[in-house]
């Protein structure tokens, strides 16, 4: 039972294009050891092209870790390797996004005035960070309930065939790290 990573990236990029009206988008992705992070990266590459964003390989940096420090280090690399700064940075997770925001702040950028940031996961702390993080929300309660129901069904009826992967929808939570 997983959240729809493809839908989350698509929603984010549609929001960047249609609501924020931005064209220069970058992504702090990875690490590649995570299936979810790889799915998010592939979706970013596909939808960036499809929606006409000004992106290149220099606009994507793979983080060495899943968390805050990985995002912090990755955004510094991203800024150093690009002549033009991105208008929006998508991060593969909220933990990484918070590191991205701290890294940008340490380099003198203001969020959302100079660069806007969007995360993925909607962890509890993302709404308490300053500025509060715009993010893609996964319904953790529904994920758990669905997985538990599948497990009970398998225990009670082991001969039943069930879907191998169940994908649940996500939604954008708009907060202060982006502005119209």
Protein backbone atom coordinates (compact mmCIF):
# COMPACT_ATOMS: atom_id res chain seq x y z
CA UNK A 1 0.00 0.00 0.00
CA UNK A 2 1.69 3.17 -1.23
CA UNK A 3 0.95 6.82 -1.92
CA UNK A 4 0.72 7.94 -5.53
CA UNK A 5 4.18 9.46 -6.05
CA UNK A 6 3.49 10.22 -9.71
CA UNK A 7 0.30 12.09 -8.87
CA UNK A 8 2.11 14.07 -6.14
CA UNK A 9 4.80 15.32 -8.50
CA UNK A 10 2.23 16.06 -11.22
CA UNK A 11 0.10 18.08 -8.77
CA UNK A 12 3.20 19.97 -7.58
CA UNK A 13 4.30 20.90 -11.08
CA UNK A 14 0.78 21.86 -12.17
CA UNK A 15 0.64 24.14 -9.11
CA UNK A 16 4.02 25.67 -10.04
CA UNK A 17 2.90 26.27 -13.63
CA UNK A 18 -0.75 27.27 -13.16
CA UNK A 19 -0.84 28.97 -9.74
CA UNK A 20 2.68 30.18 -9.00
CA UNK A 21 3.30 30.96 -12.72
CA UNK A 22 6.97 29.91 -12.49
CA UNK A 23 9.11 28.27 -15.19
CA UNK A 24 12.51 27.55 -13.57
CA UNK A 25 12.10 24.46 -11.41
CA UNK A 26 14.73 22.27 -9.79
CA UNK A 27 14.56 19.10 -7.72
CA UNK A 28 16.47 17.77 -4.75
CA UNK A 29 15.83 14.05 -5.16
CA UNK A 30 17.20 10.78 -3.92
CA UNK A 31 18.88 8.89 -2.68
CA UNK A 32 18.43 6.31 -5.41
CA UNK A 33 18.19 3.49 -2.86
CA UNK A 34 14.54 4.43 -2.26
CA UNK A 35 11.88 3.26 -4.72
CA UNK A 36 9.63 6.19 -3.77
CA UNK A 37 12.40 8.73 -4.38
CA UNK A 38 13.20 7.17 -7.76
CA UNK A 39 9.51 7.26 -8.76
CA UNK A 40 9.32 10.94 -7.75
CA UNK A 41 12.46 11.76 -9.74
CA UNK A 42 11.23 9.98 -12.88
CA UNK A 43 7.88 11.76 -12.62
CA UNK A 44 9.66 15.10 -12.17
CA UNK A 45 11.68 14.52 -15.34
CA UNK A 46 8.63 13.46 -17.35
CA UNK A 47 6.26 16.22 -16.21
CA UNK A 48 8.92 18.95 -16.38
CA UNK A 49 9.35 18.17 -20.05
CA UNK A 50 5.61 17.74 -20.66
CA UNK A 51 4.74 21.05 -18.95
CA UNK A 52 7.54 22.97 -20.68
CA UNK A 53 9.69 23.87 -17.67
CA UNK A 54 13.22 25.17 -18.13
CA UNK A 55 15.09 22.26 -16.57
CA UNK A 56 18.28 20.35 -17.29
CA UNK A 57 20.38 17.72 -15.54
CA UNK A 58 21.98 20.58 -13.58
CA UNK A 59 18.55 21.28 -12.10
CA UNK A 60 18.45 17.88 -10.40
CA UNK A 61 20.65 16.99 -7.46
CA UNK A 62 20.56 13.61 -5.75
CA UNK A 63 20.80 13.85 -2.00
CA UNK A 64 23.21 11.54 -0.22
CA UNK A 65 20.62 10.84 2.48
CA UNK A 66 16.90 11.00 3.18
CA UNK A 67 16.95 13.77 5.74
CA UNK A 68 17.65 17.35 6.67
CA UNK A 69 21.43 17.23 6.16
CA UNK A 70 21.06 15.61 2.74
CA UNK A 71 18.69 18.38 1.61
CA UNK A 72 20.96 21.06 3.09
CA UNK A 73 24.04 19.77 1.23
CA UNK A 74 22.16 19.05 -2.01
CA UNK A 75 20.72 22.56 -2.37
CA UNK A 76 24.14 24.10 -1.87
CA UNK A 77 25.44 21.92 -4.71
CA UNK A 78 22.38 22.82 -6.81
CA UNK A 79 22.94 26.55 -6.43
CA UNK A 80 26.70 26.29 -7.10
CA UNK A 81 26.26 24.34 -10.34
CA UNK A 82 23.62 26.64 -11.89
CA UNK A 83 24.15 30.08 -13.43
CA UNK A 84 20.51 31.00 -12.80
CA UNK A 85 18.86 30.16 -9.53
CA UNK A 86 15.63 28.19 -9.75
CA UNK A 87 12.36 29.89 -8.88
CA UNK A 88 11.05 26.75 -7.18
CA UNK A 89 12.79 23.73 -5.64
CA UNK A 90 10.85 20.49 -5.22
CA UNK A 91 12.27 18.17 -2.60
CA UNK A 92 11.74 14.41 -2.51
CA UNK A 93 10.64 14.55 1.12
CA UNK A 94 9.70 17.10 3.76
CA UNK A 95 12.81 16.28 5.79
CA UNK A 96 14.95 17.09 2.74
CA UNK A 97 12.83 20.19 2.02
CA UNK A 98 13.47 21.55 5.50
CA UNK A 99 17.21 21.07 4.91
CA UNK A 100 16.83 22.81 1.53
CA UNK A 101 15.14 25.77 3.23
CA UNK A 102 17.88 26.02 5.87
CA UNK A 103 20.59 25.73 3.20
CA UNK A 104 19.00 28.47 1.09
CA UNK A 105 18.61 30.68 4.15
CA UNK A 106 22.28 30.20 5.06
CA UNK A 107 23.21 31.32 1.52
CA UNK A 108 21.17 34.51 1.97
CA UNK A 109 18.04 33.55 0.02
CA UNK A 110 14.61 34.40 1.37
CA UNK A 111 11.77 31.87 1.10
CA UNK A 112 9.38 32.36 -0.66
CA UNK A 113 10.53 35.79 -1.95
CA UNK A 114 13.70 34.57 -3.73
CA UNK A 115 13.08 30.83 -4.07
CA UNK A 116 9.96 28.81 -3.28
CA UNK A 117 10.10 25.29 -1.84
CA UNK A 118 7.69 22.34 -2.02
CA UNK A 119 8.14 19.13 -0.03
CA UNK A 120 6.53 15.69 -0.08
CA UNK A 121 5.04 13.71 2.85
CA UNK A 122 3.37 16.35 5.07
CA UNK A 123 5.27 15.38 8.20
CA UNK A 124 3.95 17.05 11.35
CA UNK A 125 6.91 19.41 11.72
CA UNK A 126 6.48 20.85 8.20
CA UNK A 127 3.65 23.09 9.37
CA UNK A 128 5.65 24.37 12.36
CA UNK A 129 8.85 25.26 10.47
CA UNK A 130 9.26 28.92 9.52
CA UNK A 131 8.10 29.51 6.89
CA UNK A 132 5.63 26.63 6.99
CA UNK A 133 6.28 24.16 4.17
CA UNK A 134 3.99 23.70 1.16
CA UNK A 135 3.89 19.93 0.66
CA UNK A 136 2.20 16.90 -0.80
CA UNK A 137 0.18 15.13 1.89
CA UNK A 138 -0.01 11.38 2.14
CA UNK A 139 -2.95 9.99 4.10
CA UNK A 140 -0.96 7.90 6.60
CA UNK A 141 -4.07 6.80 8.46
CA UNK A 142 -5.64 5.48 5.24
CA UNK A 143 -2.34 3.81 4.27
CA UNK A 144 -2.26 1.96 7.59
CA UNK A 145 -5.96 1.05 7.55
CA UNK A 146 -5.75 -0.27 4.00
CA UNK A 147 -2.65 -2.34 4.76
CA UNK A 148 -4.27 -3.75 7.92
CA UNK A 149 -7.45 -4.70 6.03
CA UNK A 150 -5.39 -6.44 3.36
CA UNK A 151 -3.45 -8.35 6.01
CA UNK A 152 -6.61 -9.46 7.81
CA UNK A 153 -8.14 -10.52 4.50
CA UNK A 154 -5.03 -12.57 3.66
CA UNK A 155 -5.07 -14.22 7.09
CA UNK A 156 -8.78 -15.04 6.91
CA UNK A 157 -8.81 -16.05 3.23
CA UNK A 158 -5.29 -16.98 2.11
CA UNK A 159 -6.59 -18.30 -1.20
CA UNK A 160 -8.00 -14.90 -2.22
CA UNK A 161 -6.09 -12.98 -4.83
CA UNK A 162 -5.41 -9.38 -3.96
CA UNK A 163 -3.80 -6.51 -5.82
CA UNK A 164 -0.06 -6.61 -5.38
CA UNK A 165 0.24 -2.83 -5.09
CA UNK A 166 -2.52 -0.51 -3.98
CA UNK A 167 -1.86 3.16 -4.72
CA UNK A 168 -3.66 5.83 -2.71
CA UNK A 169 -4.21 9.47 -3.75
CA UNK A 170 -2.29 12.45 -2.36
CA UNK A 171 -3.07 16.17 -2.18
CA UNK A 172 -1.24 19.50 -2.11
CA UNK A 173 -1.17 21.44 1.16
CA UNK A 174 -0.41 25.08 0.43
CA UNK A 175 1.57 26.91 3.11
CA UNK A 176 4.05 29.81 3.42
CA UNK A 177 7.05 28.40 1.50
CA UNK A 178 5.26 29.26 -1.75
CA UNK A 179 3.42 32.40 -2.75
CA UNK A 180 1.19 33.43 -5.62
